[in-house]
Amino acid sequence: MNKIKVSVVFIFLFAFGFSQEKIEREHRILKSQFPPIVYHKETLGGHIKRMRYYKEVAAEQVVYSTKFKKDRLHYQMTYTKEGDLKSVGFSIRQIDVPDDVYMRFETYFNGSYDTWKLVKMDQLYPVASKDLETKTFSNAFQNLMLPTVLYKLVVKGKRDAKKEHQEFWFTAEGKFSSSRDMLPANHDRVLY
């Protein structure tokens, strides 16, 4: 009888371990672990501060990104695992977004959440094809308002007394494009 109890507990724990959702987080890596890229610190021009390299492993794909500060803006460039540029973006505030576009964001979130708070907002320049990579790179560093621009918003909200943390993508006109759930911040560290 004792062996049956142990084996039932073992089967339960084994099944429970494989049924959990495994979403990976972004973590910092060394420059040597980053794929070979065309746009590195030397080609980005002067005044680059705090260049950092990150890797995010998700269920669908592996994404590499560099984050740095240039001319008082916080930039992020994302790459594929082969080193091809996917997008260039930088952090913005409400004042940087046209009023009518921001009103569409608010309307969407007021309809989706009981209460919500905007955590972060980025303006992204996606690379449509390998041929347009250089042009997209140049447009991003000139901060041009183009119809291909995407806005990425990180929002914390409550819906039916349940807290949610999500990323949303909107077009340049403020139309909803897509969203995904985010994991809460990682607090796995040693406290002294």
Foldseek 3Di string as FASTA:
>chain_A
DVVVVVVVVVVVVVVVVVPDDDAWDKDWDDPVPAADEDDDPVNVDPQKADWTKIWGDGPVFIKIWIWIDHPNWIKIWIAHSNHQTFKIKTWDDPVLADPQLVVLVVVVVVVVAVDKDWDTKMKMQGDPDSVCRVVSVVCRVVVDLDQAIKMKIWMWGHHPNDIFTKIWIATSSNHTDDMDGDDPDDPPDDDD
